[in-house]
C-alpha cells in the first residue's frame, strides 16, 4: 500500500473528527413579550375588574370619616409618572374640580399604595395625582347626584382625561361600576375646620326648589353652580322636615336678589321665591 502524504492524511483525520461531533444547537426563538394591558371600553384594565364574588352589602359600607392626620413624609414629593411631572399639594388648601372618575379593583387589591398602606378595594379610599396624602374628599357623581366621602391614600390615575380613581366600593356606591367611569365633582374636605358649617337661616334668600329626595336637590344645586357660575358658599340645601330646599343667598338687598331671580327665569326657566328669614 502506498503511504499517504502528510497533507492528505491530515485532511482525512479532520473529516472523521467532524463526523463524530454533535451538530451545533440551534438557538430557540425568544418568547414574544406579553403586550401591556389595555383599557376596556368600560374604563378599567383587561386584567382588572370586579371581583368574582363581591360582598352583598357594599351599600352599607360607611363613608370615610375625616380626621386631622399628619401629611405623609414621602408620598407628597414631586414625581414623574408615564413621562408627566406631578407636584402634590403640601398644604391643606381648598380644592374643587370636575372631570372623569375611574376605579381600580382586584388587580391592585392587597398591594401597597403610594402611602405604603395596603390597598383594600372594599374600603372608601381613592387615588389622586396631587391631593395631599392623606386627605379627604367628597366625590359627587354629576349624572345622579350621589356623593361619597373618601380618604386619599394613593396616586393616580395617570390619564389626561381622568381626575380621580376610586376604590371598587366607592365607585359602586356612585353607581358606575359597569360603565367604568363617570363625570364627578371632587371637593377636598378640611377636617381641621370641624364639621361643615350649618346652612344660614337668617337673611334674604332665593328658594329655587324643594325636593323630597336629597339627590334631586343636589342635582339642582350643581346645575345652579355650573350654569350661573355661582360660588359654592352662596348656595345651600336646607332640610326642613321631609323637604330639601335649594337656596341662593344671602343677599344684601331686594334689588340684588331680584336681579338673580330674573336671570334664573331668563336663562334656566326657573321660578324662584324670595324668602326673608329672621
C-alpha atoms as a PDB file:
ATOM      1  CA  UNK A   1       0.000   0.000   0.000  1.00  0.00           C
ATOM      2  CA  UNK A   2       1.239   3.372  -0.856  1.00  0.00           C
ATOM      3  CA  UNK A   3       1.887   5.647   2.033  1.00  0.00           C
ATOM      4  CA  UNK A   4      -0.493   8.632   2.182  1.00  0.00           C
ATOM      5  CA  UNK A   5       1.029  12.025   2.020  1.00  0.00           C
ATOM      6  CA  UNK A   6       1.107  14.013   5.212  1.00  0.00           C
ATOM      7  CA  UNK A   7      -1.343  16.637   3.884  1.00  0.00           C
ATOM      8  CA  UNK A   8      -3.878  14.060   2.678  1.00  0.00           C
ATOM      9  CA  UNK A   9      -3.694  12.167   5.961  1.00  0.00           C
ATOM     10  CA  UNK A  10      -4.400  15.379   7.924  1.00  0.00           C
ATOM     11  CA  UNK A  11      -7.474  16.150   5.805  1.00  0.00           C
ATOM     12  CA  UNK A  12      -8.911  12.626   6.327  1.00  0.00           C
ATOM     13  CA  UNK A  13      -8.455  12.939  10.106  1.00  0.00           C
ATOM     14  CA  UNK A  14     -10.254  16.298  10.215  1.00  0.00           C
ATOM     15  CA  UNK A  15     -13.233  14.942   8.254  1.00  0.00           C
ATOM     16  CA  UNK A  16     -13.519  11.938  10.538  1.00  0.00           C
ATOM     17  CA  UNK A  17     -13.465  14.183  13.611  1.00  0.00           C
ATOM     18  CA  UNK A  18     -16.263  16.400  12.280  1.00  0.00           C
ATOM     19  CA  UNK A  19     -18.429  13.356  11.574  1.00  0.00           C
ATOM     20  CA  UNK A  20     -18.343  12.329  15.247  1.00  0.00           C
ATOM     21  CA  UNK A  21     -19.249  15.750  16.760  1.00  0.00           C
ATOM     22  CA  UNK A  22     -22.921  16.544  17.517  1.00  0.00           C
ATOM     23  CA  UNK A  23     -24.468  19.349  15.475  1.00  0.00           C
ATOM     24  CA  UNK A  24     -24.335  22.812  16.993  1.00  0.00           C
ATOM     25  CA  UNK A  25     -27.558  23.595  18.904  1.00  0.00           C
ATOM     26  CA  UNK A  26     -29.986  25.905  17.149  1.00  0.00           C
ATOM     27  CA  UNK A  27     -30.989  28.780  19.432  1.00  0.00           C
ATOM     28  CA  UNK A  28     -34.653  28.728  20.355  1.00  0.00           C
ATOM     29  CA  UNK A  29     -36.683  31.762  19.315  1.00  0.00           C
ATOM     30  CA  UNK A  30     -37.228  34.291  22.071  1.00  0.00           C
ATOM     31  CA  UNK A  31     -40.670  34.227  23.636  1.00  0.00           C
ATOM     32  CA  UNK A  32     -42.841  37.063  22.490  1.00  0.00           C
ATOM     33  CA  UNK A  33     -43.309  39.790  25.096  1.00  0.00           C
ATOM     34  CA  UNK A  34     -46.712  39.945  26.674  1.00  0.00           C
ATOM     35  CA  UNK A  35     -48.464  43.053  25.413  1.00  0.00           C
ATOM     36  CA  UNK A  36     -49.258  45.610  28.075  1.00  0.00           C
ATOM     37  CA  UNK A  37     -52.748  45.609  29.487  1.00  0.00           C
ATOM     38  CA  UNK A  38     -55.072  47.926  27.630  1.00  0.00           C
ATOM     39  CA  UNK A  39     -58.168  49.604  28.911  1.00  0.00           C
ATOM     40  CA  UNK A  40     -61.572  48.222  28.121  1.00  0.00           C
ATOM     41  CA  UNK A  41     -64.303  50.497  26.877  1.00  0.00           C
ATOM     42  CA  UNK A  42     -65.696  50.387  30.401  1.00  0.00           C
ATOM     43  CA  UNK A  43     -62.670  52.192  31.801  1.00  0.00           C
ATOM     44  CA  UNK A  44     -60.813  49.545  33.803  1.00  0.00           C
ATOM     45  CA  UNK A  45     -57.944  47.335  32.631  1.00  0.00           C
ATOM     46  CA  UNK A  46     -58.385  43.989  30.922  1.00  0.00           C
ATOM     47  CA  UNK A  47     -56.721  42.161  33.793  1.00  0.00           C
ATOM     48  CA  UNK A  48     -58.511  44.221  36.436  1.00  0.00           C
ATOM     49  CA  UNK A  49     -62.216  44.494  37.034  1.00  0.00           C
ATOM     50  CA  UNK A  50     -64.819  43.454  39.576  1.00  0.00           C
ATOM     51  CA  UNK A  51     -64.153  40.593  41.985  1.00  0.00           C
ATOM     52  CA  UNK A  52     -65.824  37.272  41.132  1.00  0.00           C
ATOM     53  CA  UNK A  53     -67.910  37.288  44.329  1.00  0.00           C
ATOM     54  CA  UNK A  54     -68.246  40.798  45.778  1.00  0.00           C
ATOM     55  CA  UNK A  55     -69.765  41.170  49.262  1.00  0.00           C
ATOM     56  CA  UNK A  56     -73.538  41.630  49.138  1.00  0.00           C
ATOM     57  CA  UNK A  57     -73.722  44.632  51.482  1.00  0.00           C
ATOM     58  CA  UNK A  58     -71.445  47.198  49.814  1.00  0.00           C
ATOM     59  CA  UNK A  59     -74.125  49.898  50.026  1.00  0.00           C
ATOM     60  CA  UNK A  60     -73.890  49.646  53.818  1.00  0.00           C
ATOM     61  CA  UNK A  61     -70.149  50.442  53.900  1.00  0.00           C
ATOM     62  CA  UNK A  62     -69.871  53.824  55.680  1.00  0.00           C
ATOM     63  CA  UNK A  63     -68.086  56.767  54.125  1.00  0.00           C
ATOM     64  CA  UNK A  64     -64.634  57.707  55.309  1.00  0.00           C
ATOM     65  CA  UNK A  65     -64.722  59.917  58.410  1.00  0.00           C
ATOM     66  CA  UNK A  66     -62.463  62.968  58.003  1.00  0.00           C
ATOM     67  CA  UNK A  67     -59.973  63.461  60.803  1.00  0.00           C
ATOM     68  CA  UNK A  68     -56.829  65.515  61.191  1.00  0.00           C
ATOM     69  CA  UNK A  69     -53.748  63.492  60.170  1.00  0.00           C
ATOM     70  CA  UNK A  70     -50.123  64.492  59.589  1.00  0.00           C
ATOM     71  CA  UNK A  71     -49.094  64.504  55.941  1.00  0.00           C
ATOM     72  CA  UNK A  72     -47.082  61.510  54.770  1.00  0.00           C
ATOM     73  CA  UNK A  73     -43.342  62.062  54.904  1.00  0.00           C
ATOM     74  CA  UNK A  74     -42.575  60.790  51.387  1.00  0.00           C
ATOM     75  CA  UNK A  75     -45.827  60.454  49.417  1.00  0.00           C
ATOM     76  CA  UNK A  76     -46.167  64.204  48.784  1.00  0.00           C
ATOM     77  CA  UNK A  77     -42.879  64.731  46.963  1.00  0.00           C
ATOM     78  CA  UNK A  78     -42.811  65.715  43.288  1.00  0.00           C
ATOM     79  CA  UNK A  79     -42.692  62.699  40.979  1.00  0.00           C
ATOM     80  CA  UNK A  80     -42.848  61.601  37.346  1.00  0.00           C
ATOM     81  CA  UNK A  81     -45.340  59.036  36.007  1.00  0.00           C
ATOM     82  CA  UNK A  82     -45.683  57.989  32.366  1.00  0.00           C
ATOM     83  CA  UNK A  83     -43.456  60.885  31.327  1.00  0.00           C
ATOM     84  CA  UNK A  84     -45.520  63.527  33.137  1.00  0.00           C
ATOM     85  CA  UNK A  85     -44.367  65.517  36.169  1.00  0.00           C
ATOM     86  CA  UNK A  86     -46.642  65.970  39.175  1.00  0.00           C
ATOM     87  CA  UNK A  87     -46.256  68.232  42.207  1.00  0.00           C
ATOM     88  CA  UNK A  88     -48.572  67.220  45.070  1.00  0.00           C
ATOM     89  CA  UNK A  89     -50.070  69.829  47.347  1.00  0.00           C
ATOM     90  CA  UNK A  90     -48.195  70.154  50.614  1.00  0.00           C
ATOM     91  CA  UNK A  91     -50.790  72.264  52.393  1.00  0.00           C
ATOM     92  CA  UNK A  92     -54.434  71.536  53.098  1.00  0.00           C
ATOM     93  CA  UNK A  93     -55.747  74.155  50.693  1.00  0.00           C
ATOM     94  CA  UNK A  94     -59.249  74.243  49.178  1.00  0.00           C
ATOM     95  CA  UNK A  95     -59.604  72.094  46.086  1.00  0.00           C
ATOM     96  CA  UNK A  96     -62.535  71.703  43.707  1.00  0.00           C
ATOM     97  CA  UNK A  97     -62.532  70.172  40.230  1.00  0.00           C
ATOM     98  CA  UNK A  98     -64.758  68.321  37.802  1.00  0.00           C
ATOM     99  CA  UNK A  99     -63.834  65.543  35.409  1.00  0.00           C
ATOM    100  CA  UNK A 100     -63.912  61.804  34.861  1.00  0.00           C
ATOM    101  CA  UNK A 101     -63.575  59.381  37.751  1.00  0.00           C
ATOM    102  CA  UNK A 102     -62.429  55.816  37.108  1.00  0.00           C
ATOM    103  CA  UNK A 103     -61.934  52.995  39.614  1.00  0.00           C
ATOM    104  CA  UNK A 104     -59.478  50.211  40.342  1.00  0.00           C
ATOM    105  CA  UNK A 105     -60.178  46.755  41.690  1.00  0.00           C
ATOM    106  CA  UNK A 106     -58.780  43.266  42.025  1.00  0.00           C
ATOM    107  CA  UNK A 107     -55.607  43.910  40.028  1.00  0.00           C
ATOM    108  CA  UNK A 108     -54.311  46.109  42.858  1.00  0.00           C
ATOM    109  CA  UNK A 109     -56.166  44.575  45.821  1.00  0.00           C
ATOM    110  CA  UNK A 110     -53.691  43.690  48.565  1.00  0.00           C
ATOM    111  CA  UNK A 111     -50.816  45.692  47.049  1.00  0.00           C
ATOM    112  CA  UNK A 112     -49.112  48.716  48.555  1.00  0.00           C
ATOM    113  CA  UNK A 113     -50.434  52.191  47.805  1.00  0.00           C
ATOM    114  CA  UNK A 114     -48.294  55.321  47.486  1.00  0.00           C
ATOM    115  CA  UNK A 115     -48.784  55.850  51.227  1.00  0.00           C
ATOM    116  CA  UNK A 116     -47.426  52.384  51.991  1.00  0.00           C
ATOM    117  CA  UNK A 117     -50.849  51.228  53.167  1.00  0.00           C
ATOM    118  CA  UNK A 118     -52.335  48.087  51.644  1.00  0.00           C
ATOM    119  CA  UNK A 119     -54.996  48.761  49.028  1.00  0.00           C
ATOM    120  CA  UNK A 120     -58.399  47.439  50.031  1.00  0.00           C
ATOM    121  CA  UNK A 121     -60.904  47.601  47.182  1.00  0.00           C
ATOM    122  CA  UNK A 122     -63.738  47.366  49.725  1.00  0.00           C
ATOM    123  CA  UNK A 123     -62.642  50.431  51.727  1.00  0.00           C
ATOM    124  CA  UNK A 124     -63.700  54.007  50.995  1.00  0.00           C
ATOM    125  CA  UNK A 125     -60.428  55.267  49.552  1.00  0.00           C
ATOM    126  CA  UNK A 126     -59.166  56.979  46.409  1.00  0.00           C
ATOM    127  CA  UNK A 127     -56.084  57.760  44.350  1.00  0.00           C
ATOM    128  CA  UNK A 128     -55.434  61.322  43.191  1.00  0.00           C
ATOM    129  CA  UNK A 129     -52.405  62.753  41.325  1.00  0.00           C
ATOM    130  CA  UNK A 130     -51.828  65.796  43.547  1.00  0.00           C
ATOM    131  CA  UNK A 131     -54.126  65.946  46.592  1.00  0.00           C
ATOM    132  CA  UNK A 132     -52.180  65.565  49.842  1.00  0.00           C
ATOM    133  CA  UNK A 133     -51.710  62.079  51.246  1.00  0.00           C
ATOM    134  CA  UNK A 134     -53.606  61.524  53.419  1.00  0.00           C
ATOM    135  CA  UNK A 135     -56.558  63.822  52.832  1.00  0.00           C
ATOM    136  CA  UNK A 136     -60.317  63.556  52.433  1.00  0.00           C
ATOM    137  CA  UNK A 137     -62.615  64.472  49.576  1.00  0.00           C
ATOM    138  CA  UNK A 138     -66.284  64.448  48.760  1.00  0.00           C
ATOM    139  CA  UNK A 139     -66.880  62.977  45.298  1.00  0.00           C
ATOM    140  CA  UNK A 140     -70.260  63.628  43.680  1.00  0.00           C
ATOM    141  CA  UNK A 141     -71.488  61.887  40.526  1.00  0.00           C
ATOM    142  CA  UNK A 142     -72.905  64.603  38.284  1.00  0.00           C
ATOM    143  CA  UNK A 143     -75.338  62.306  36.484  1.00  0.00           C
ATOM    144  CA  UNK A 144     -77.263  61.076  39.531  1.00  0.00           C
ATOM    145  CA  UNK A 145     -76.316  63.373  42.420  1.00  0.00           C
ATOM    146  CA  UNK A 146     -74.919  60.571  44.597  1.00  0.00           C
ATOM    147  CA  UNK A 147     -71.919  61.501  46.706  1.00  0.00           C
ATOM    148  CA  UNK A 148     -69.370  59.722  48.883  1.00  0.00           C
ATOM    149  CA  UNK A 149     -66.553  60.761  51.200  1.00  0.00           C
ATOM    150  CA  UNK A 150     -63.228  59.019  50.553  1.00  0.00           C
ATOM    151  CA  UNK A 151     -59.759  59.074  52.064  1.00  0.00           C
ATOM    152  CA  UNK A 152     -56.976  59.785  49.546  1.00  0.00           C
ATOM    153  CA  UNK A 153     -54.064  57.427  50.206  1.00  0.00           C
ATOM    154  CA  UNK A 154     -52.729  56.636  46.720  1.00  0.00           C
ATOM    155  CA  UNK A 155     -51.505  58.255  43.493  1.00  0.00           C
ATOM    156  CA  UNK A 156     -53.192  58.107  40.089  1.00  0.00           C
ATOM    157  CA  UNK A 157     -54.916  57.986  37.700  1.00  0.00           C
ATOM    158  CA  UNK A 158     -52.213  58.974  35.223  1.00  0.00           C
ATOM    159  CA  UNK A 159     -54.598  59.662  32.361  1.00  0.00           C
ATOM    160  CA  UNK A 160     -55.165  63.111  30.888  1.00  0.00           C
ATOM    161  CA  UNK A 161     -58.968  62.826  30.952  1.00  0.00           C
ATOM    162  CA  UNK A 162     -59.386  61.393  34.470  1.00  0.00           C
ATOM    163  CA  UNK A 163     -59.148  63.278  37.737  1.00  0.00           C
ATOM    164  CA  UNK A 164     -59.547  60.584  40.411  1.00  0.00           C
ATOM    165  CA  UNK A 165     -59.503  56.795  40.856  1.00  0.00           C
ATOM    166  CA  UNK A 166     -61.983  55.477  43.402  1.00  0.00           C
ATOM    167  CA  UNK A 167     -61.978  52.162  45.189  1.00  0.00           C
ATOM    168  CA  UNK A 168     -64.359  49.474  43.927  1.00  0.00           C
ATOM    169  CA  UNK A 169     -66.815  50.118  46.771  1.00  0.00           C
ATOM    170  CA  UNK A 170     -66.805  53.910  46.350  1.00  0.00           C
ATOM    171  CA  UNK A 171     -67.478  53.526  42.625  1.00  0.00           C
ATOM    172  CA  UNK A 172     -70.239  51.029  43.379  1.00  0.00           C
ATOM    173  CA  UNK A 173     -71.942  53.489  45.712  1.00  0.00           C
ATOM    174  CA  UNK A 174     -71.803  56.162  42.991  1.00  0.00           C
ATOM    175  CA  UNK A 175     -73.331  53.716  40.510  1.00  0.00           C
ATOM    176  CA  UNK A 176     -70.742  53.495  37.727  1.00  0.00           C
ATOM    177  CA  UNK A 177     -69.104  50.090  38.174  1.00  0.00           C
ATOM    178  CA  UNK A 178     -70.385  48.732  34.874  1.00  0.00           C
ATOM    179  CA  UNK A 179     -69.532  51.875  32.882  1.00  0.00           C
ATOM    180  CA  UNK A 180     -66.075  52.095  34.396  1.00  0.00           C
ATOM    181  CA  UNK A 181     -66.051  55.903  34.585  1.00  0.00           C
ATOM    182  CA  UNK A 182     -68.363  58.846  35.171  1.00  0.00           C
ATOM    183  CA  UNK A 183     -68.205  62.622  35.482  1.00  0.00           C
ATOM    184  CA  UNK A 184     -67.776  63.813  39.052  1.00  0.00           C
ATOM    185  CA  UNK A 185     -67.055  66.812  41.179  1.00  0.00           C
ATOM    186  CA  UNK A 186     -64.192  66.440  43.668  1.00  0.00           C
ATOM    187  CA  UNK A 187     -64.113  68.705  46.732  1.00  0.00           C
ATOM    188  CA  UNK A 188     -61.451  68.449  49.411  1.00  0.00           C
ATOM    189  CA  UNK A 189     -62.739  68.324  52.982  1.00  0.00           C
ATOM    190  CA  UNK A 190     -60.804  70.122  55.701  1.00  0.00           C
ATOM    191  CA  UNK A 191     -61.169  68.043  58.884  1.00  0.00           C
ATOM    192  CA  UNK A 192     -59.385  70.733  60.913  1.00  0.00           C
ATOM    193  CA  UNK A 193     -62.238  73.118  60.221  1.00  0.00           C
ATOM    194  CA  UNK A 194     -64.560  70.839  62.159  1.00  0.00           C
ATOM    195  CA  UNK A 195     -67.990  69.928  60.913  1.00  0.00           C
ATOM    196  CA  UNK A 196     -69.329  71.676  57.829  1.00  0.00           C
ATOM    197  CA  UNK A 197     -70.996  74.933  58.796  1.00  0.00           C
ATOM    198  CA  UNK A 198     -74.740  74.776  59.200  1.00  0.00           C
ATOM    199  CA  UNK A 199     -76.738  76.454  56.414  1.00  0.00           C
ATOM    200  CA  UNK A 200     -77.570  80.051  57.190  1.00  0.00           C
ATOM    201  CA  UNK A 201     -81.126  80.532  58.363  1.00  0.00           C
ATOM    202  CA  UNK A 202     -81.271  84.314  58.558  1.00  0.00           C
ATOM    203  CA  UNK A 203     -81.211  86.888  55.786  1.00  0.00           C
ATOM    204  CA  UNK A 204     -82.614  87.335  52.291  1.00  0.00           C
ATOM    205  CA  UNK A 205     -82.617  84.248  50.052  1.00  0.00           C
ATOM    206  CA  UNK A 206     -83.994  82.925  46.786  1.00  0.00           C
ATOM    207  CA  UNK A 207     -85.545  79.471  47.078  1.00  0.00           C
ATOM    208  CA  UNK A 208     -85.299  77.710  43.729  1.00  0.00           C
ATOM    209  CA  UNK A 209     -86.786  74.335  44.575  1.00  0.00           C
ATOM    210  CA  UNK A 210     -87.829  71.889  47.289  1.00  0.00           C
ATOM    211  CA  UNK A 211     -87.429  68.125  46.967  1.00  0.00           C
ATOM    212  CA  UNK A 212     -88.231  65.028  48.970  1.00  0.00           C
ATOM    213  CA  UNK A 213     -85.040  63.377  47.689  1.00  0.00           C
ATOM    214  CA  UNK A 214     -81.717  64.940  48.657  1.00  0.00           C
ATOM    215  CA  UNK A 215     -80.147  63.687  45.404  1.00  0.00           C
ATOM    216  CA  UNK A 216     -82.617  65.745  43.374  1.00  0.00           C
ATOM    217  CA  UNK A 217     -81.865  68.836  45.428  1.00  0.00           C
ATOM    218  CA  UNK A 218     -78.161  68.234  44.901  1.00  0.00           C
ATOM    219  CA  UNK A 219     -78.645  67.971  41.137  1.00  0.00           C
ATOM    220  CA  UNK A 220     -80.370  71.335  41.016  1.00  0.00           C
ATOM    221  CA  UNK A 221     -77.718  72.899  43.236  1.00  0.00           C
ATOM    222  CA  UNK A 222     -74.972  71.586  40.952  1.00  0.00           C
ATOM    223  CA  UNK A 223     -76.797  72.986  37.928  1.00  0.00           C
ATOM    224  CA  UNK A 224     -77.045  76.421  39.528  1.00  0.00           C
ATOM    225  CA  UNK A 225     -73.345  76.453  40.385  1.00  0.00           C
ATOM    226  CA  UNK A 226     -72.362  75.202  36.941  1.00  0.00           C
ATOM    227  CA  UNK A 227     -74.601  77.283  34.686  1.00  0.00           C
ATOM    228  CA  UNK A 228     -74.718  80.502  36.700  1.00  0.00           C
ATOM    229  CA  UNK A 229     -71.082  80.215  37.878  1.00  0.00           C
ATOM    230  CA  UNK A 230     -72.195  80.775  41.458  1.00  0.00           C
ATOM    231  CA  UNK A 231     -69.611  80.326  44.213  1.00  0.00           C
ATOM    232  CA  UNK A 232     -70.352  77.321  46.397  1.00  0.00           C
ATOM    233  CA  UNK A 233     -70.639  79.485  49.526  1.00  0.00           C
ATOM    234  CA  UNK A 234     -73.663  81.316  48.052  1.00  0.00           C
ATOM    235  CA  UNK A 235     -75.737  78.164  47.636  1.00  0.00           C
ATOM    236  CA  UNK A 236     -77.127  75.785  50.222  1.00  0.00           C
ATOM    237  CA  UNK A 237     -79.528  72.932  50.822  1.00  0.00           C
ATOM    238  CA  UNK A 238     -81.676  73.371  53.911  1.00  0.00           C
ATOM    239  CA  UNK A 239     -83.664  70.424  55.210  1.00  0.00           C
ATOM    240  CA  UNK A 240     -86.991  71.264  56.775  1.00  0.00           C
ATOM    241  CA  UNK A 241     -88.996  68.240  57.775  1.00  0.00           C
ATOM    242  CA  UNK A 242     -89.017  65.868  54.809  1.00  0.00           C
ATOM    243  CA  UNK A 243     -88.077  68.518  52.225  1.00  0.00           C
ATOM    244  CA  UNK A 244     -84.640  69.558  50.973  1.00  0.00           C
ATOM    245  CA  UNK A 245     -84.814  73.218  49.923  1.00  0.00           C
ATOM    246  CA  UNK A 246     -82.331  74.677  47.407  1.00  0.00           C
ATOM    247  CA  UNK A 247     -81.491  78.295  48.233  1.00  0.00           C
ATOM    248  CA  UNK A 248     -79.225  81.056  46.930  1.00  0.00           C
ATOM    249  CA  UNK A 249     -78.039  83.869  49.184  1.00  0.00           C
ATOM    250  CA  UNK A 250     -77.940  85.660  51.467  1.00  0.00           C
ATOM    251  CA  UNK A 251     -78.467  88.899  49.535  1.00  0.00           C
ATOM    252  CA  UNK A 252     -77.649  92.376  50.734  1.00  0.00           C
ATOM    253  CA  UNK A 253     -80.773  93.908  49.184  1.00  0.00           C
ATOM    254  CA  UNK A 254     -84.022  93.141  47.391  1.00  0.00           C
ATOM    255  CA  UNK A 255     -82.570  94.591  44.192  1.00  0.00           C
ATOM    256  CA  UNK A 256     -79.649  92.146  44.190  1.00  0.00           C
ATOM    257  CA  UNK A 257     -81.970  89.208  44.842  1.00  0.00           C
ATOM    258  CA  UNK A 258     -84.390  90.271  42.102  1.00  0.00           C
ATOM    259  CA  UNK A 259     -81.525  90.558  39.599  1.00  0.00           C
ATOM    260  CA  UNK A 260     -80.632  86.900  40.141  1.00  0.00           C
ATOM    261  CA  UNK A 261     -84.314  85.998  40.183  1.00  0.00           C
ATOM    262  CA  UNK A 262     -84.750  87.469  36.706  1.00  0.00           C
ATOM    263  CA  UNK A 263     -81.620  85.668  35.468  1.00  0.00           C
ATOM    264  CA  UNK A 264     -82.939  82.339  36.765  1.00  0.00           C
ATOM    265  CA  UNK A 265     -86.175  82.886  34.869  1.00  0.00           C
ATOM    266  CA  UNK A 266     -84.490  84.007  31.655  1.00  0.00           C
ATOM    267  CA  UNK A 267     -81.582  81.565  31.447  1.00  0.00           C
ATOM    268  CA  UNK A 268     -82.833  78.451  33.214  1.00  0.00           C
ATOM    269  CA  UNK A 269     -86.627  78.888  33.049  1.00  0.00           C
ATOM    270  CA  UNK A 270     -86.802  78.549  36.832  1.00  0.00           C
ATOM    271  CA  UNK A 271     -89.103  80.479  39.139  1.00  0.00           C
ATOM    272  CA  UNK A 272     -87.541  81.395  42.481  1.00  0.00           C
ATOM    273  CA  UNK A 273     -89.333  82.513  45.624  1.00  0.00           C
ATOM    274  CA  UNK A 274     -87.951  85.418  47.649  1.00  0.00           C
ATOM    275  CA  UNK A 275     -87.538  84.449  51.314  1.00  0.00           C
ATOM    276  CA  UNK A 276     -86.938  86.732  54.289  1.00  0.00           C
ATOM    277  CA  UNK A 277     -85.630  84.561  57.047  1.00  0.00           C
ATOM    278  CA  UNK A 278     -85.499  86.123  60.546  1.00  0.00           C
END
